[in-house]
Amino acid sequence: LDSKHIGALVDMLHKGDEKKDHELTKLAATLFFREHVISILKVVNADGTAWFDIVDSLPHRDSDALRASRTRCKDRDALETTLKWYACSKFGETDRNYIDNNLWDEVMCDFDPRVYQGFVWAAE
């Protein structure tokens, strides 16, 4: 995963739009990745610090039950690291082989497992 691309998304969630003051604004994002959608919610605390909750509604096995997940990241770096871990955890053996054997090529973006789309929303 390209740190420049994922970093830009994380920075936008963390800081908001550079043209406006979004430090205390409600921000959220969705990521379309591997035929799946996850949400990221910015939670601003009373002291002005922010946490980020990653919500994955696709059921996964937790013990004997199928459950969705909500992962709390308590700072910007934790969010970026968790998103990279999450993405890598979704790659199967075929995906890993493709990534190991192919440099990024925009012509192949429809087939490359590293592709994701990210959308960020802000509300005052």
C-alpha atoms as a PDB file:
ATOM      1  CA  LEU A   1       0.000   0.000   0.000  1.00  0.00           C
ATOM      2  CA  ASP A   2       1.300   3.377  -0.986  1.00  0.00           C
ATOM      3  CA  SER A   3       1.964   5.439   2.167  1.00  0.00           C
ATOM      4  CA  LYS A   4       1.502   8.654   0.186  1.00  0.00           C
ATOM      5  CA  HIS A   5      -2.046   7.694  -0.839  1.00  0.00           C
ATOM      6  CA  ILE A   6      -3.242   6.269   2.464  1.00  0.00           C
ATOM      7  CA  GLY A   7      -1.446   9.094   4.299  1.00  0.00           C
ATOM      8  CA  ALA A   8      -3.363  11.729   2.342  1.00  0.00           C
ATOM      9  CA  LEU A   9      -6.675  10.117   3.324  1.00  0.00           C
ATOM     10  CA  VAL A  10      -5.648   9.848   6.980  1.00  0.00           C
ATOM     11  CA  ASP A  11      -4.394  13.459   7.004  1.00  0.00           C
ATOM     12  CA  MET A  12      -7.696  14.676   5.593  1.00  0.00           C
ATOM     13  CA  LEU A  13      -9.583  12.819   8.326  1.00  0.00           C
ATOM     14  CA  HIS A  14      -7.214  14.110  10.984  1.00  0.00           C
ATOM     15  CA  LYS A  15      -6.932  17.756   9.884  1.00  0.00           C
ATOM     16  CA  GLY A  16      -9.908  18.314   7.614  1.00  0.00           C
ATOM     17  CA  ASP A  17      -9.840  20.586   4.601  1.00  0.00           C
ATOM     18  CA  GLU A  18      -6.776  22.848   4.592  1.00  0.00           C
ATOM     19  CA  LYS A  19      -8.960  25.740   3.409  1.00  0.00           C
ATOM     20  CA  LYS A  20     -11.286  25.533   6.413  1.00  0.00           C
ATOM     21  CA  ASP A  21     -10.920  24.957  10.152  1.00  0.00           C
ATOM     22  CA  HIS A  22     -12.275  21.470  10.736  1.00  0.00           C
ATOM     23  CA  GLU A  23     -10.496  20.689  13.992  1.00  0.00           C
ATOM     24  CA  LEU A  24     -13.836  20.291  15.798  1.00  0.00           C
ATOM     25  CA  THR A  25     -15.893  19.349  12.758  1.00  0.00           C
ATOM     26  CA  LYS A  26     -17.575  16.003  12.330  1.00  0.00           C
ATOM     27  CA  LEU A  27     -15.593  14.014   9.771  1.00  0.00           C
ATOM     28  CA  ALA A  28     -16.174  10.541   8.420  1.00  0.00           C
ATOM     29  CA  ALA A  29     -14.974   8.419   5.528  1.00  0.00           C
ATOM     30  CA  THR A  30     -15.827   5.278   3.655  1.00  0.00           C
ATOM     31  CA  LEU A  31     -13.340   3.011   1.957  1.00  0.00           C
ATOM     32  CA  PHE A  32     -14.345   0.702  -0.862  1.00  0.00           C
ATOM     33  CA  PHE A  33     -11.779  -2.082  -0.777  1.00  0.00           C
ATOM     34  CA  ARG A  34     -11.804  -5.679  -1.987  1.00  0.00           C
ATOM     35  CA  GLU A  35     -15.516  -5.519  -2.900  1.00  0.00           C
ATOM     36  CA  HIS A  36     -16.310  -4.357   0.602  1.00  0.00           C
ATOM     37  CA  VAL A  37     -17.023  -1.070   2.408  1.00  0.00           C
ATOM     38  CA  ILE A  38     -15.738   0.074   5.784  1.00  0.00           C
ATOM     39  CA  SER A  39     -16.473   3.335   7.576  1.00  0.00           C
ATOM     40  CA  ILE A  40     -14.159   5.564   9.575  1.00  0.00           C
ATOM     41  CA  LEU A  41     -15.686   7.944  12.102  1.00  0.00           C
ATOM     42  CA  LYS A  42     -13.778  10.786  13.754  1.00  0.00           C
ATOM     43  CA  VAL A  43     -14.706  11.175  17.411  1.00  0.00           C
ATOM     44  CA  VAL A  44     -13.639  14.523  18.909  1.00  0.00           C
ATOM     45  CA  ASN A  45     -13.186  14.411  22.681  1.00  0.00           C
ATOM     46  CA  ALA A  46     -13.955  17.273  25.090  1.00  0.00           C
ATOM     47  CA  ASP A  47     -10.235  18.082  25.372  1.00  0.00           C
ATOM     48  CA  GLY A  48      -9.949  18.511  21.575  1.00  0.00           C
ATOM     49  CA  THR A  49      -8.114  15.247  20.921  1.00  0.00           C
ATOM     50  CA  ALA A  50      -9.584  12.919  18.343  1.00  0.00           C
ATOM     51  CA  TRP A  51     -10.078   9.172  18.077  1.00  0.00           C
ATOM     52  CA  PHE A  52     -10.999   7.279  14.933  1.00  0.00           C
ATOM     53  CA  ASP A  53     -13.383   4.322  14.874  1.00  0.00           C
ATOM     54  CA  ILE A  54     -13.122   1.870  11.985  1.00  0.00           C
ATOM     55  CA  VAL A  55     -16.454   0.102  11.508  1.00  0.00           C
ATOM     56  CA  ASP A  56     -16.596  -3.079   9.469  1.00  0.00           C
ATOM     57  CA  SER A  57     -20.149  -4.340   9.185  1.00  0.00           C
ATOM     58  CA  LEU A  58     -19.286  -7.458   7.194  1.00  0.00           C
ATOM     59  CA  PRO A  59     -19.720 -10.379   9.568  1.00  0.00           C
ATOM     60  CA  HIS A  60     -16.613 -12.313  10.497  1.00  0.00           C
ATOM     61  CA  ARG A  61     -16.235 -15.263  12.816  1.00  0.00           C
ATOM     62  CA  ASP A  62     -15.542 -14.358  16.441  1.00  0.00           C
ATOM     63  CA  SER A  63     -15.537 -17.565  18.479  1.00  0.00           C
ATOM     64  CA  ASP A  64     -18.756 -19.299  17.456  1.00  0.00           C
ATOM     65  CA  ALA A  65     -20.674 -16.187  16.422  1.00  0.00           C
ATOM     66  CA  LEU A  66     -20.663 -13.950  13.359  1.00  0.00           C
ATOM     67  CA  ARG A  67     -19.981 -10.346  14.340  1.00  0.00           C
ATOM     68  CA  ALA A  68     -19.269  -6.948  12.890  1.00  0.00           C
ATOM     69  CA  SER A  69     -16.305  -5.046  14.315  1.00  0.00           C
ATOM     70  CA  ARG A  70     -15.485  -1.584  15.585  1.00  0.00           C
ATOM     71  CA  THR A  71     -11.812  -0.760  16.098  1.00  0.00           C
ATOM     72  CA  ARG A  72     -10.801   2.404  17.974  1.00  0.00           C
ATOM     73  CA  CYS A  73      -7.584   4.172  16.966  1.00  0.00           C
ATOM     74  CA  LYS A  74      -6.531   6.787  19.503  1.00  0.00           C
ATOM     75  CA  ASP A  75      -4.366   8.890  17.158  1.00  0.00           C
ATOM     76  CA  ARG A  76      -3.484   9.524  13.513  1.00  0.00           C
ATOM     77  CA  ASP A  77      -0.567   7.073  13.413  1.00  0.00           C
ATOM     78  CA  ALA A  78      -2.648   4.286  14.941  1.00  0.00           C
ATOM     79  CA  LEU A  79      -5.314   4.875  12.276  1.00  0.00           C
ATOM     80  CA  GLU A  80      -2.822   4.654   9.415  1.00  0.00           C
ATOM     81  CA  THR A  81      -1.180   1.531  10.849  1.00  0.00           C
ATOM     82  CA  THR A  82      -4.540  -0.160  11.465  1.00  0.00           C
ATOM     83  CA  LEU A  83      -5.759   0.604   7.939  1.00  0.00           C
ATOM     84  CA  LYS A  84      -2.589  -0.936   6.479  1.00  0.00           C
ATOM     85  CA  TRP A  85      -2.968  -4.004   8.706  1.00  0.00           C
ATOM     86  CA  TYR A  86      -6.652  -4.319   7.774  1.00  0.00           C
ATOM     87  CA  ALA A  87      -5.929  -4.111   4.050  1.00  0.00           C
ATOM     88  CA  CYS A  88      -3.118  -6.652   4.237  1.00  0.00           C
ATOM     89  CA  SER A  89      -5.296  -9.028   6.280  1.00  0.00           C
ATOM     90  CA  LYS A  90      -7.799  -9.128   3.402  1.00  0.00           C
ATOM     91  CA  PHE A  91      -5.240 -10.281   0.806  1.00  0.00           C
ATOM     92  CA  GLY A  92      -5.342 -13.970  -0.026  1.00  0.00           C
ATOM     93  CA  GLU A  93      -2.415 -15.977  -1.361  1.00  0.00           C
ATOM     94  CA  THR A  94      -3.273 -15.140  -4.991  1.00  0.00           C
ATOM     95  CA  ASP A  95      -3.392 -11.415  -4.136  1.00  0.00           C
ATOM     96  CA  ARG A  96      -0.044 -11.551  -2.329  1.00  0.00           C
ATOM     97  CA  ASN A  97       1.559 -13.358  -5.276  1.00  0.00           C
ATOM     98  CA  TYR A  98       0.205 -10.733  -7.684  1.00  0.00           C
ATOM     99  CA  ILE A  99       1.520  -7.889  -5.507  1.00  0.00           C
ATOM    100  CA  ASP A 100       4.925  -9.544  -5.079  1.00  0.00           C
ATOM    101  CA  ASN A 101       5.304 -10.104  -8.815  1.00  0.00           C
ATOM    102  CA  ASN A 102       3.843  -6.881 -10.263  1.00  0.00           C
ATOM    103  CA  LEU A 103       4.780  -3.247  -9.865  1.00  0.00           C
ATOM    104  CA  TRP A 104       1.901  -0.779  -9.739  1.00  0.00           C
ATOM    105  CA  ASP A 105       0.545  -0.048 -13.228  1.00  0.00           C
ATOM    106  CA  GLU A 106      -2.490   2.221 -13.666  1.00  0.00           C
ATOM    107  CA  VAL A 107      -3.443   0.310 -16.812  1.00  0.00           C
ATOM    108  CA  MET A 108      -4.076  -2.743 -14.611  1.00  0.00           C
ATOM    109  CA  CYS A 109      -5.983  -0.922 -11.849  1.00  0.00           C
ATOM    110  CA  ASP A 110      -9.203  -2.842 -12.565  1.00  0.00           C
ATOM    111  CA  PHE A 111      -7.417  -6.055 -11.606  1.00  0.00           C
ATOM    112  CA  ASP A 112      -4.895  -4.965  -8.986  1.00  0.00           C
ATOM    113  CA  PRO A 113      -5.907  -6.023  -5.447  1.00  0.00           C
ATOM    114  CA  ARG A 114      -4.252  -2.919  -3.936  1.00  0.00           C
ATOM    115  CA  VAL A 115      -6.869  -0.554  -5.370  1.00  0.00           C
ATOM    116  CA  TYR A 116      -9.284   1.210  -3.034  1.00  0.00           C
ATOM    117  CA  GLN A 117     -11.557   4.236  -3.240  1.00  0.00           C
ATOM    118  CA  GLY A 118     -11.864   6.618  -0.328  1.00  0.00           C
ATOM    119  CA  PHE A 119     -14.473   9.304   0.305  1.00  0.00           C
ATOM    120  CA  VAL A 120     -14.395  11.840   3.150  1.00  0.00           C
ATOM    121  CA  TRP A 121     -17.355  13.858   4.452  1.00  0.00           C
ATOM    122  CA  ALA A 122     -17.374  16.839   6.791  1.00  0.00           C
ATOM    123  CA  ALA A 123     -20.188  18.566   8.669  1.00  0.00           C
ATOM    124  CA  GLU A 124     -19.957  21.546  10.962  1.00  0.00           C
END
